[in-house]
């Protein structure tokens, strides 16, 4: 689907009607990194997984987008797909987009997985620290070859000039004001050993969002949600239990 002259790749599955659950991946990845989560909720929600502009099957933007641009494009996509008041799950870069979206638009609940929200001054270092953990996570080996082969590749060095600028824009954008505007129930899941986004930042974000809770996985990395997937699914199932669709049609 074309939004603002950018082709956006997405996939919808699960229930035909009912509560919408939308999942957004991290930098340098695609929708498949979020599907280990979404596949567990197909009988509860109408699920939409999205390749953000410049990643996966979505086209690269012709100009460097800001996080606000990503959120606005997402909103336009939701309007076309008739997605209203969704539950948002975002990991890392996708979490950044989710924070802005939740600060600007209406959602039901928010789940942030190792999501930075302020300037960390780690643009070149960020991906090196993040991606080195991926091949150690068993679930990654079950992903499609495109996704699996991307992980561990250099991000900033191999990115196009436009996407390099997108990354710099994202890292230099302090989302504190957006975080303060979020009023819906919010769950933060972090890894104790996350060297890309520290637990100190997680606690700060938890303090900014009015109705939020933080769960830290002992000994886990930036990909804590995948490293202990069963635990993640159990936690999310509990957090989302009262949002189950009342529509029994599959």
Protein backbone atom coordinates (compact mmCIF):
# COMPACT_ATOMS: atom_id res chain seq x y z
CA UNK A 1 0.00 0.00 0.00
CA UNK A 2 1.30 3.47 -0.89
CA UNK A 3 1.37 6.11 1.84
CA UNK A 4 2.89 9.51 1.05
CA UNK A 5 4.36 7.97 -2.13
CA UNK A 6 6.14 5.27 -0.11
CA UNK A 7 5.18 1.63 -0.58
CA UNK A 8 4.44 0.10 2.83
CA UNK A 9 4.58 -3.67 3.20
CA UNK A 10 2.31 -5.12 5.85
CA UNK A 11 0.62 -8.39 6.72
CA UNK A 12 -2.70 -8.88 8.47
CA UNK A 13 -3.89 -12.11 10.01
CA UNK A 14 -5.65 -13.52 13.04
CA UNK A 15 -9.26 -12.59 13.70
CA UNK A 16 -11.14 -10.86 10.91
CA UNK A 17 -12.68 -8.34 13.26
CA UNK A 18 -12.18 -7.08 16.76
CA UNK A 19 -9.36 -5.44 18.68
CA UNK A 20 -6.32 -4.52 16.60
CA UNK A 21 -2.81 -5.52 17.68
CA UNK A 22 0.00 -3.82 15.74
CA UNK A 23 3.68 -4.78 16.03
CA UNK A 24 6.65 -2.67 14.94
CA UNK A 25 10.19 -4.02 14.51
CA UNK A 26 13.57 -2.54 15.34
CA UNK A 27 16.23 -0.91 13.18
CA UNK A 28 17.63 -2.97 10.31
CA UNK A 29 14.98 -5.67 10.73
CA UNK A 30 11.57 -6.54 9.35
CA UNK A 31 8.17 -7.72 10.50
CA UNK A 32 9.38 -11.28 10.98
CA UNK A 33 11.24 -10.32 14.14
CA UNK A 34 7.88 -9.55 15.74
CA UNK A 35 5.99 -12.59 14.53
CA UNK A 36 7.21 -14.94 17.28
CA UNK A 37 5.02 -12.74 19.49
CA UNK A 38 2.10 -12.10 17.15
CA UNK A 39 1.74 -15.77 16.21
CA UNK A 40 0.70 -16.49 19.80
CA UNK A 41 -2.26 -14.10 19.67
CA UNK A 42 -3.97 -14.99 16.40
CA UNK A 43 -7.07 -16.25 18.19
CA UNK A 44 -7.40 -13.07 20.24
CA UNK A 45 -6.79 -10.12 17.92
CA UNK A 46 -6.72 -8.84 14.38
CA UNK A 47 -2.97 -8.62 13.94
CA UNK A 48 -1.03 -6.25 11.72
CA UNK A 49 2.74 -6.50 11.36
CA UNK A 50 4.44 -3.74 9.40
CA UNK A 51 7.73 -3.25 7.62
CA UNK A 52 8.60 0.34 8.47
CA UNK A 53 9.72 2.56 5.54
CA UNK A 54 13.25 1.66 4.48
CA UNK A 55 13.11 -1.87 5.90
CA UNK A 56 11.97 -5.30 4.78
CA UNK A 57 9.56 -5.15 1.86
CA UNK A 58 8.75 -1.45 2.30
CA UNK A 59 10.29 1.15 0.04
CA UNK A 60 13.02 3.47 1.18
CA UNK A 61 11.81 7.04 1.61
CA UNK A 62 13.09 9.62 -0.85
CA UNK A 63 14.05 11.93 2.00
CA UNK A 64 15.21 11.35 5.55
CA UNK A 65 12.19 10.86 7.79
CA UNK A 66 11.90 11.88 11.42
CA UNK A 67 10.29 9.69 14.08
CA UNK A 68 7.27 11.99 13.83
CA UNK A 69 7.10 11.28 10.09
CA UNK A 70 7.11 7.53 10.78
CA UNK A 71 4.27 7.92 13.29
CA UNK A 72 2.22 10.02 10.87
CA UNK A 73 2.74 7.54 8.03
CA UNK A 74 1.65 4.78 10.38
CA UNK A 75 -1.50 6.71 11.25
CA UNK A 76 -2.36 7.15 7.57
CA UNK A 77 -1.84 3.42 7.04
CA UNK A 78 -4.14 2.68 9.96
CA UNK A 79 -6.85 4.92 8.52
CA UNK A 80 -6.70 3.07 5.19
CA UNK A 81 -6.77 -0.30 6.96
CA UNK A 82 -9.58 0.85 9.29
CA UNK A 83 -7.44 0.25 12.35
CA UNK A 84 -8.84 2.24 15.26
CA UNK A 85 -7.51 2.54 18.78
CA UNK A 86 -4.96 -0.30 18.44
CA UNK A 87 -2.71 -1.99 20.94
CA UNK A 88 0.86 -1.14 19.93
CA UNK A 89 3.95 -3.29 20.50
CA UNK A 90 7.28 -1.79 19.47
CA UNK A 91 10.84 -3.03 19.80
CA UNK A 92 13.79 -0.63 19.85
CA UNK A 93 13.38 1.71 16.82
CA UNK A 94 9.79 0.50 16.51
CA UNK A 95 9.37 1.46 20.15
CA UNK A 96 10.53 4.98 19.37
CA UNK A 97 7.85 5.22 16.70
CA UNK A 98 5.31 3.76 19.14
CA UNK A 99 6.13 6.36 21.80
CA UNK A 100 5.51 9.20 19.36
CA UNK A 101 2.38 7.55 18.01
CA UNK A 102 0.98 7.03 21.50
CA UNK A 103 1.75 10.65 22.36
CA UNK A 104 -0.11 11.95 19.30
CA UNK A 105 -2.89 9.46 18.55
CA UNK A 106 -5.39 7.29 20.37
CA UNK A 107 -4.44 3.73 21.33
CA UNK A 108 -5.68 1.14 23.84
CA UNK A 109 -2.43 -0.08 25.35
CA UNK A 110 1.29 0.23 24.71
CA UNK A 111 4.07 -2.34 25.04
CA UNK A 112 7.65 -1.14 24.69
CA UNK A 113 10.45 -3.67 24.27
CA UNK A 114 13.90 -2.21 24.95
CA UNK A 115 12.87 1.11 23.43
CA UNK A 116 15.18 4.14 23.63
CA UNK A 117 13.53 7.53 23.97
CA UNK A 118 16.32 10.09 24.17
CA UNK A 119 19.69 11.02 22.72
CA UNK A 120 22.17 8.32 23.62
CA UNK A 121 25.02 9.54 21.37
CA UNK A 122 25.62 5.97 20.21
CA UNK A 123 24.69 6.07 16.51
CA UNK A 124 27.64 4.06 15.22
CA UNK A 125 28.04 1.91 18.30
CA UNK A 126 24.37 1.08 18.73
CA UNK A 127 23.96 -1.62 16.13
CA UNK A 128 27.27 -3.30 16.81
CA UNK A 129 26.19 -3.90 20.39
CA UNK A 130 22.64 -4.85 19.44
CA UNK A 131 23.19 -7.25 16.57
CA UNK A 132 25.96 -9.31 18.12
CA UNK A 133 23.39 -10.93 20.43
CA UNK A 134 21.01 -12.05 17.70
CA UNK A 135 22.73 -15.15 16.39
CA UNK A 136 22.92 -16.45 19.95
CA UNK A 137 19.11 -16.51 20.24
CA UNK A 138 17.64 -19.88 19.13
CA UNK A 139 14.38 -18.40 17.82
CA UNK A 140 16.31 -16.34 15.26
CA UNK A 141 17.38 -19.53 13.50
CA UNK A 142 13.73 -20.31 12.81
CA UNK A 143 13.08 -17.04 10.99
CA UNK A 144 12.95 -16.66 7.22
CA UNK A 145 16.39 -16.54 5.54
CA UNK A 146 16.05 -12.86 4.64
CA UNK A 147 15.61 -11.90 8.25
CA UNK A 148 18.20 -14.30 9.61
CA UNK A 149 20.86 -13.19 7.14
CA UNK A 150 20.30 -9.52 7.87
CA UNK A 151 21.08 -9.87 11.54
CA UNK A 152 24.67 -9.27 12.35
CA UNK A 153 25.25 -7.17 9.25
CA UNK A 154 26.54 -3.65 9.76
CA UNK A 155 23.79 -1.09 10.05
CA UNK A 156 25.15 2.38 9.81
CA UNK A 157 28.11 1.60 7.55
CA UNK A 158 26.03 -0.26 4.96
CA UNK A 159 22.93 1.95 5.13
CA UNK A 160 22.10 4.31 2.28
CA UNK A 161 22.79 8.02 2.86
CA UNK A 162 19.08 8.62 3.46
CA UNK A 163 18.75 5.84 6.03
CA UNK A 164 21.93 6.97 7.77
CA UNK A 165 20.28 10.35 8.18
CA UNK A 166 17.11 8.67 9.44
CA UNK A 167 19.14 6.88 12.12
CA UNK A 168 20.87 10.09 13.17
CA UNK A 169 17.50 11.87 13.29
CA UNK A 170 16.08 9.13 15.49
CA UNK A 171 18.96 9.00 17.95
CA UNK A 172 19.12 12.78 18.29
CA UNK A 173 15.38 13.12 18.90
CA UNK A 174 14.46 13.34 22.58
CA UNK A 175 10.98 11.84 23.03
CA UNK A 176 10.51 12.89 26.65
CA UNK A 177 7.59 15.21 25.87
CA UNK A 178 5.78 12.46 23.95
CA UNK A 179 6.35 9.97 26.76
CA UNK A 180 4.80 12.40 29.25
CA UNK A 181 1.65 12.58 27.11
CA UNK A 182 1.04 8.83 27.17
CA UNK A 183 -1.86 8.01 29.47
CA UNK A 184 -2.83 4.47 28.44
CA UNK A 185 -1.68 1.36 30.34
CA UNK A 186 1.90 0.72 29.27
CA UNK A 187 4.22 -2.22 29.81
CA UNK A 188 7.99 -1.96 29.48
CA UNK A 189 10.08 -5.11 29.02
CA UNK A 190 13.87 -4.82 29.24
CA UNK A 191 16.94 -6.98 29.51
CA UNK A 192 19.15 -6.51 32.54
CA UNK A 193 22.27 -6.74 30.34
CA UNK A 194 21.02 -4.51 27.52
CA UNK A 195 24.09 -2.52 26.47
CA UNK A 196 22.21 -0.63 23.75
CA UNK A 197 19.49 0.86 25.97
CA UNK A 198 20.30 0.74 29.67
CA UNK A 199 17.96 -0.26 32.47
CA UNK A 200 18.55 3.24 33.88
CA UNK A 201 16.90 4.64 30.77
CA UNK A 202 14.11 2.08 31.18
CA UNK A 203 13.46 3.26 34.75
CA UNK A 204 13.48 6.88 33.61
CA UNK A 205 10.95 6.11 30.87
CA UNK A 206 8.82 4.19 33.37
CA UNK A 207 8.76 7.30 35.55
CA UNK A 208 7.66 9.53 32.67
CA UNK A 209 4.69 7.43 31.55
CA UNK A 210 1.80 7.86 33.98
CA UNK A 211 0.30 4.35 33.95
CA UNK A 212 3.28 2.11 33.28
CA UNK A 213 5.10 -0.86 34.69
CA UNK A 214 8.61 -2.17 34.08
CA UNK A 215 9.72 -5.79 33.94
CA UNK A 216 13.46 -6.49 33.73
CA UNK A 217 14.64 -9.92 32.58
CA UNK A 218 17.73 -10.98 34.57
CA UNK A 219 20.78 -11.72 32.45
CA UNK A 220 19.10 -10.86 29.14
CA UNK A 221 20.11 -8.48 26.34
CA UNK A 222 18.48 -5.97 23.99
CA UNK A 223 16.46 -8.91 22.66
CA UNK A 224 15.14 -10.05 26.03
CA UNK A 225 11.66 -10.56 24.60
CA UNK A 226 13.01 -13.24 22.24
CA UNK A 227 15.58 -14.72 24.60
CA UNK A 228 12.79 -15.78 26.94
CA UNK A 229 9.89 -15.91 24.50
CA UNK A 230 7.65 -18.12 26.64
CA UNK A 231 7.95 -15.70 29.54
CA UNK A 232 7.18 -12.79 27.22
CA UNK A 233 4.07 -14.47 25.82
CA UNK A 234 2.83 -15.26 29.32
CA UNK A 235 3.35 -11.67 30.50
CA UNK A 236 1.67 -10.20 27.43
CA UNK A 237 -1.23 -12.64 27.66
CA UNK A 238 -1.88 -11.42 31.20
CA UNK A 239 -1.44 -7.74 30.28
CA UNK A 240 -3.80 -8.04 27.30
CA UNK A 241 -6.33 -10.45 28.80
CA UNK A 242 -9.07 -7.85 29.21
CA UNK A 243 -8.60 -6.67 25.61
CA UNK A 244 -9.54 -9.97 24.01
CA UNK A 245 -11.93 -9.51 21.12
CA UNK A 246 -15.56 -10.22 21.89
CA UNK A 247 -16.08 -11.25 18.30
CA UNK A 248 -16.02 -15.04 18.05
CA UNK A 249 -15.70 -15.05 14.28
CA UNK A 250 -12.31 -16.24 13.04
